[in-house]
Amino acid sequence: MQKIGLISMKAASLLFCLLFPMHVFARNIGEDCTYEGIRLFGRVQVVTGFADIDVQKKDALADLDVRFVNAFPDACGEWQLVDSFPDFTVRFVDSFPDITIKKVHAFAGVR
């Protein structure tokens, strides 16, 4: 009886280990630096509602390293903050983000 319980417990933990990381660590950002067709560089407007992308700031292990620039945001992860005519909008959230970012001063882009 204990053997069957131990085997089923091992099988359940193996199944959990195989399925859980796929969901939690799934990359949301494509290799072409896009999220659902939105290029993750350019002119960005921060809004409080109805954003194109929900973003969470992190200090480590983020999906995207972002460098805030004043002009020419033409490389992956370079964002120019604007008040009008954005390429896309973001909303900063504390939980359930679409992507996570880390602010950097150099070497922006997908990890």
N, C-alpha and C. Protein backbone atom coordinates (compact mmCIF):
# COMPACT_ATOMS: atom_id res chain seq x y z
N MET A 1 0.83 -1.19 0.00
CA MET A 1 0.00 0.00 0.00
C MET A 1 0.87 1.26 0.00
N GLN A 2 1.90 1.28 0.83
CA GLN A 2 2.77 2.45 0.88
C GLN A 2 3.55 2.61 -0.42
N LYS A 3 3.88 1.47 -1.06
CA LYS A 3 4.62 1.50 -2.32
C LYS A 3 3.80 2.18 -3.41
N ILE A 4 2.52 1.88 -3.48
CA ILE A 4 1.65 2.47 -4.49
C ILE A 4 1.52 3.98 -4.25
N GLY A 5 1.37 4.37 -3.01
CA GLY A 5 1.27 5.79 -2.67
C GLY A 5 2.55 6.53 -3.02
N LEU A 6 3.70 5.92 -2.77
CA LEU A 6 4.98 6.53 -3.08
C LEU A 6 5.18 6.68 -4.59
N ILE A 7 4.77 5.64 -5.33
CA ILE A 7 4.90 5.69 -6.79
C ILE A 7 3.99 6.76 -7.38
N SER A 8 2.76 6.84 -6.91
CA SER A 8 1.84 7.85 -7.44
C SER A 8 2.28 9.26 -7.05
N MET A 9 2.88 9.39 -5.88
CA MET A 9 3.39 10.69 -5.46
C MET A 9 4.58 11.11 -6.33
N LYS A 10 5.46 10.17 -6.65
CA LYS A 10 6.59 10.47 -7.53
C LYS A 10 6.11 10.84 -8.93
N ALA A 11 5.10 10.11 -9.41
CA ALA A 11 4.57 10.40 -10.74
C ALA A 11 3.92 11.78 -10.78
N ALA A 12 3.20 12.12 -9.72
CA ALA A 12 2.56 13.43 -9.67
C ALA A 12 3.61 14.54 -9.60
N SER A 13 4.67 14.34 -8.82
CA SER A 13 5.70 15.38 -8.73
C SER A 13 6.47 15.51 -10.04
N LEU A 14 6.69 14.40 -10.74
CA LEU A 14 7.36 14.45 -12.04
C LEU A 14 6.50 15.20 -13.04
N LEU A 15 5.21 14.92 -13.06
CA LEU A 15 4.29 15.61 -13.95
C LEU A 15 4.26 17.10 -13.64
N PHE A 16 4.23 17.45 -12.38
CA PHE A 16 4.24 18.85 -11.97
C PHE A 16 5.51 19.55 -12.44
N CYS A 17 6.66 18.90 -12.26
CA CYS A 17 7.95 19.49 -12.67
C CYS A 17 8.02 19.68 -14.18
N LEU A 18 7.40 18.79 -14.91
CA LEU A 18 7.43 18.90 -16.37
C LEU A 18 6.50 19.99 -16.88
N LEU A 19 5.35 20.16 -16.28
CA LEU A 19 4.36 21.11 -16.77
C LEU A 19 4.51 22.51 -16.19
N PHE A 20 4.89 22.63 -14.94
CA PHE A 20 4.95 23.93 -14.28
C PHE A 20 5.96 24.88 -14.93
N PRO A 21 7.19 24.49 -15.18
CA PRO A 21 8.14 25.43 -15.78
C PRO A 21 7.72 25.91 -17.17
N MET A 22 7.02 25.10 -17.93
CA MET A 22 6.58 25.53 -19.24
C MET A 22 5.67 26.74 -19.14
N HIS A 23 4.82 26.74 -18.13
CA HIS A 23 3.89 27.85 -17.98
C HIS A 23 4.56 29.06 -17.35
N VAL A 24 5.31 28.87 -16.30
CA VAL A 24 5.89 29.98 -15.56
C VAL A 24 7.02 30.66 -16.32
N PHE A 25 7.88 29.87 -16.94
CA PHE A 25 9.05 30.45 -17.59
C PHE A 25 8.90 30.58 -19.10
N ALA A 26 7.68 30.52 -19.59
CA ALA A 26 7.48 30.66 -21.03
C ALA A 26 7.85 32.07 -21.45
N ARG A 27 8.62 32.17 -22.50
CA ARG A 27 9.06 33.46 -22.99
C ARG A 27 7.92 34.12 -23.74
N ASN A 28 7.59 35.32 -23.34
CA ASN A 28 6.52 36.06 -23.98
C ASN A 28 7.04 36.89 -25.14
N ILE A 29 8.34 37.11 -25.19
CA ILE A 29 8.94 37.98 -26.20
C ILE A 29 9.58 37.12 -27.28
N GLY A 30 9.25 37.44 -28.52
CA GLY A 30 9.82 36.70 -29.63
C GLY A 30 11.27 37.08 -29.87
N GLU A 31 11.96 36.25 -30.65
CA GLU A 31 13.35 36.53 -30.96
C GLU A 31 13.52 37.79 -31.79
N ASP A 32 12.44 38.22 -32.44
CA ASP A 32 12.50 39.45 -33.24
C ASP A 32 12.13 40.68 -32.41
N CYS A 33 12.16 40.55 -31.09
CA CYS A 33 11.89 41.64 -30.15
C CYS A 33 10.47 42.18 -30.28
N THR A 34 9.51 41.26 -30.34
CA THR A 34 8.11 41.66 -30.40
C THR A 34 7.31 40.93 -29.33
N TYR A 35 6.22 41.53 -28.93
CA TYR A 35 5.25 40.90 -28.05
C TYR A 35 3.90 41.02 -28.74
N GLU A 36 3.35 39.90 -29.15
CA GLU A 36 2.07 39.85 -29.86
C GLU A 36 2.03 40.85 -31.01
N GLY A 37 3.11 40.90 -31.78
CA GLY A 37 3.18 41.76 -32.95
C GLY A 37 3.61 43.19 -32.67
N ILE A 38 3.80 43.55 -31.41
CA ILE A 38 4.22 44.91 -31.06
C ILE A 38 5.73 44.93 -30.91
N ARG A 39 6.41 45.78 -31.67
CA ARG A 39 7.86 45.91 -31.56
C ARG A 39 8.19 46.57 -30.22
N LEU A 40 9.11 45.98 -29.48
CA LEU A 40 9.42 46.46 -28.13
C LEU A 40 10.55 47.48 -28.14
N PHE A 41 10.45 48.42 -29.03
CA PHE A 41 11.33 49.58 -29.04
C PHE A 41 10.58 50.71 -29.73
N GLY A 42 10.98 51.92 -29.43
CA GLY A 42 10.32 53.06 -30.04
C GLY A 42 9.76 54.01 -29.01
N ARG A 43 8.78 54.77 -29.46
CA ARG A 43 8.15 55.79 -28.61
C ARG A 43 7.08 55.12 -27.75
N VAL A 44 7.19 55.30 -26.44
CA VAL A 44 6.33 54.61 -25.47
C VAL A 44 5.61 55.62 -24.60
N GLN A 45 4.32 55.42 -24.44
CA GLN A 45 3.54 56.26 -23.54
C GLN A 45 3.07 55.41 -22.37
N VAL A 46 3.26 55.91 -21.17
CA VAL A 46 2.79 55.22 -19.95
C VAL A 46 1.37 55.68 -19.67
N VAL A 47 0.46 54.72 -19.53
CA VAL A 47 -0.94 55.02 -19.28
C VAL A 47 -1.40 54.26 -18.04
N THR A 48 -2.57 54.61 -17.54
CA THR A 48 -3.10 53.92 -16.35
C THR A 48 -4.16 52.89 -16.69
N GLY A 49 -4.64 52.90 -17.91
CA GLY A 49 -5.64 51.92 -18.31
C GLY A 49 -5.63 51.69 -19.81
N PHE A 50 -6.12 50.53 -20.22
CA PHE A 50 -6.24 50.17 -21.63
C PHE A 50 -4.91 50.26 -22.38
N ALA A 51 -3.87 49.71 -21.77
CA ALA A 51 -2.54 49.71 -22.39
C ALA A 51 -2.40 48.55 -23.36
N ASP A 52 -1.46 48.71 -24.28
CA ASP A 52 -1.14 47.61 -25.19
C ASP A 52 -0.45 46.47 -24.44
N ILE A 53 0.42 46.83 -23.47
CA ILE A 53 1.19 45.83 -22.74
C ILE A 53 1.22 46.19 -21.26
N ASP A 54 0.96 45.21 -20.40
CA ASP A 54 1.13 45.37 -18.96
C ASP A 54 2.56 44.96 -18.61
N VAL A 55 3.27 45.85 -17.92
CA VAL A 55 4.70 45.67 -17.65
C VAL A 55 4.95 45.70 -16.16
N GLN A 56 5.84 44.81 -15.70
CA GLN A 56 6.28 44.82 -14.32
C GLN A 56 7.78 45.08 -14.30
N LYS A 57 8.20 46.03 -13.46
CA LYS A 57 9.63 46.32 -13.30
C LYS A 57 10.24 45.32 -12.33
N LYS A 58 11.42 44.81 -12.68
CA LYS A 58 12.14 43.87 -11.82
C LYS A 58 13.59 44.30 -11.75
N ASP A 59 14.28 43.81 -10.72
CA ASP A 59 15.70 44.10 -10.57
C ASP A 59 16.57 43.02 -11.18
N ALA A 60 16.01 41.85 -11.40
CA ALA A 60 16.78 40.74 -11.96
C ALA A 60 15.85 39.79 -12.70
N LEU A 61 16.41 39.02 -13.63
CA LEU A 61 15.70 37.99 -14.37
C LEU A 61 14.45 38.50 -15.07
N ALA A 62 14.57 39.63 -15.74
CA ALA A 62 13.46 40.19 -16.50
C ALA A 62 13.46 39.64 -17.92
N ASP A 63 12.32 39.74 -18.58
CA ASP A 63 12.21 39.31 -19.97
C ASP A 63 12.97 40.22 -20.92
N LEU A 64 12.99 41.52 -20.59
CA LEU A 64 13.57 42.52 -21.48
C LEU A 64 14.36 43.54 -20.69
N ASP A 65 15.58 43.82 -21.13
CA ASP A 65 16.37 44.90 -20.56
C ASP A 65 16.04 46.16 -21.35
N VAL A 66 15.61 47.21 -20.64
CA VAL A 66 15.15 48.43 -21.29
C VAL A 66 16.10 49.58 -20.96
N ARG A 67 16.46 50.30 -22.01
CA ARG A 67 17.27 51.51 -21.86
C ARG A 67 16.42 52.68 -22.32
N PHE A 68 16.18 53.63 -21.42
CA PHE A 68 15.39 54.81 -21.76
C PHE A 68 16.30 55.83 -22.42
N VAL A 69 15.90 56.27 -23.61
CA VAL A 69 16.71 57.20 -24.40
C VAL A 69 15.91 58.46 -24.68
N ASN A 70 16.61 59.53 -25.06
CA ASN A 70 15.96 60.80 -25.37
C ASN A 70 15.62 60.92 -26.85
N ALA A 71 16.31 60.16 -27.69
CA ALA A 71 16.06 60.23 -29.13
C ALA A 71 16.50 58.93 -29.79
N PHE A 72 15.98 58.69 -30.98
CA PHE A 72 16.34 57.55 -31.81
C PHE A 72 16.24 56.19 -31.10
N PRO A 73 15.04 55.83 -30.62
CA PRO A 73 14.85 54.51 -30.01
C PRO A 73 14.65 53.44 -31.08
N ASP A 74 15.73 53.07 -31.74
CA ASP A 74 15.59 52.20 -32.90
C ASP A 74 16.24 50.82 -32.73
N ALA A 75 16.57 50.44 -31.52
CA ALA A 75 17.12 49.11 -31.26
C ALA A 75 16.27 48.42 -30.20
N CYS A 76 16.32 47.11 -30.19
CA CYS A 76 15.52 46.32 -29.26
C CYS A 76 15.74 46.77 -27.82
N GLY A 77 14.67 47.10 -27.12
CA GLY A 77 14.74 47.48 -25.72
C GLY A 77 14.99 48.95 -25.47
N GLU A 78 15.13 49.75 -26.52
CA GLU A 78 15.30 51.19 -26.33
C GLU A 78 13.94 51.86 -26.38
N TRP A 79 13.59 52.56 -25.30
CA TRP A 79 12.30 53.21 -25.18
C TRP A 79 12.48 54.70 -24.98
N GLN A 80 11.72 55.48 -25.73
CA GLN A 80 11.66 56.93 -25.55
C GLN A 80 10.28 57.24 -24.99
N LEU A 81 10.24 57.78 -23.78
CA LEU A 81 8.96 58.11 -23.15
C LEU A 81 8.39 59.37 -23.77
N VAL A 82 7.13 59.29 -24.19
CA VAL A 82 6.46 60.42 -24.83
C VAL A 82 5.07 60.59 -24.24
N ASP A 83 4.48 61.79 -24.48
CA ASP A 83 3.12 62.07 -24.03
C ASP A 83 2.10 61.95 -25.15
N SER A 84 2.57 61.90 -26.39
CA SER A 84 1.65 61.80 -27.51
C SER A 84 2.29 61.05 -28.67
N PHE A 85 1.46 60.52 -29.52
CA PHE A 85 1.87 59.77 -30.72
C PHE A 85 2.85 58.64 -30.42
N PRO A 86 2.47 57.73 -29.50
CA PRO A 86 3.37 56.61 -29.17
C PRO A 86 3.29 55.49 -30.22
N ASP A 87 4.34 54.69 -30.24
CA ASP A 87 4.31 53.46 -31.04
C ASP A 87 3.49 52.39 -30.31
N PHE A 88 3.57 52.40 -28.98
CA PHE A 88 2.75 51.52 -28.15
C PHE A 88 2.65 52.10 -26.76
N THR A 89 1.67 51.60 -25.99
CA THR A 89 1.45 52.09 -24.63
C THR A 89 1.71 50.97 -23.64
N VAL A 90 2.17 51.37 -22.44
CA VAL A 90 2.41 50.40 -21.38
C VAL A 90 1.72 50.87 -20.10
N ARG A 91 1.37 49.90 -19.29
CA ARG A 91 0.85 50.18 -17.95
C ARG A 91 1.71 49.39 -16.99
N PHE A 92 2.25 50.05 -15.97
CA PHE A 92 3.07 49.38 -14.99
C PHE A 92 2.17 48.74 -13.93
N VAL A 93 2.38 47.44 -13.70
CA VAL A 93 1.56 46.67 -12.77
C VAL A 93 2.47 45.98 -11.76
N ASP A 94 1.88 45.57 -10.64
CA ASP A 94 2.63 44.85 -9.61
C ASP A 94 2.49 43.34 -9.73
N SER A 95 1.46 42.89 -10.42
CA SER A 95 1.26 41.45 -10.59
C SER A 95 0.60 41.16 -11.93
N PHE A 96 0.76 39.94 -12.39
CA PHE A 96 0.20 39.45 -13.65
C PHE A 96 0.58 40.30 -14.86
N PRO A 97 1.89 40.52 -15.07
CA PRO A 97 2.31 41.33 -16.22
C PRO A 97 2.30 40.49 -17.50
N ASP A 98 2.27 41.18 -18.62
CA ASP A 98 2.48 40.52 -19.91
C ASP A 98 3.98 40.25 -20.09
N ILE A 99 4.80 41.25 -19.74
CA ILE A 99 6.25 41.10 -19.79
C ILE A 99 6.86 41.76 -18.56
N THR A 100 8.10 41.39 -18.26
CA THR A 100 8.84 42.04 -17.18
C THR A 100 10.04 42.74 -17.79
N ILE A 101 10.40 43.90 -17.20
CA ILE A 101 11.53 44.66 -17.71
C ILE A 101 12.50 44.99 -16.59
N LYS A 102 13.73 45.24 -16.98
CA LYS A 102 14.77 45.70 -16.07
C LYS A 102 15.39 46.93 -16.71
N LYS A 103 15.50 48.02 -15.96
CA LYS A 103 16.09 49.24 -16.48
C LYS A 103 17.62 49.08 -16.49
N VAL A 104 18.22 49.36 -17.65
CA VAL A 104 19.68 49.27 -17.78
C VAL A 104 20.19 50.56 -18.41
N HIS A 105 21.49 50.78 -18.30
CA HIS A 105 22.12 51.96 -18.90
C HIS A 105 22.85 51.61 -20.19
N ALA A 106 23.03 50.33 -20.44
CA ALA A 106 23.69 49.86 -21.66
C ALA A 106 23.23 48.43 -21.95
N PHE A 107 23.39 48.00 -23.17
CA PHE A 107 23.09 46.63 -23.59
C PHE A 107 21.63 46.26 -23.38
N ALA A 108 20.75 47.06 -23.93
CA ALA A 108 19.33 46.76 -23.87
C ALA A 108 18.98 45.62 -24.81
N GLY A 109 17.89 44.94 -24.54
CA GLY A 109 17.42 43.89 -25.43
C GLY A 109 16.91 42.68 -24.70
N VAL A 110 16.60 41.66 -25.47
CA VAL A 110 16.06 40.40 -24.93
C VAL A 110 17.20 39.61 -24.32
N ARG A 111 16.94 39.02 -23.18
CA ARG A 111 17.95 38.19 -22.53
C ARG A 111 18.09 36.89 -23.26
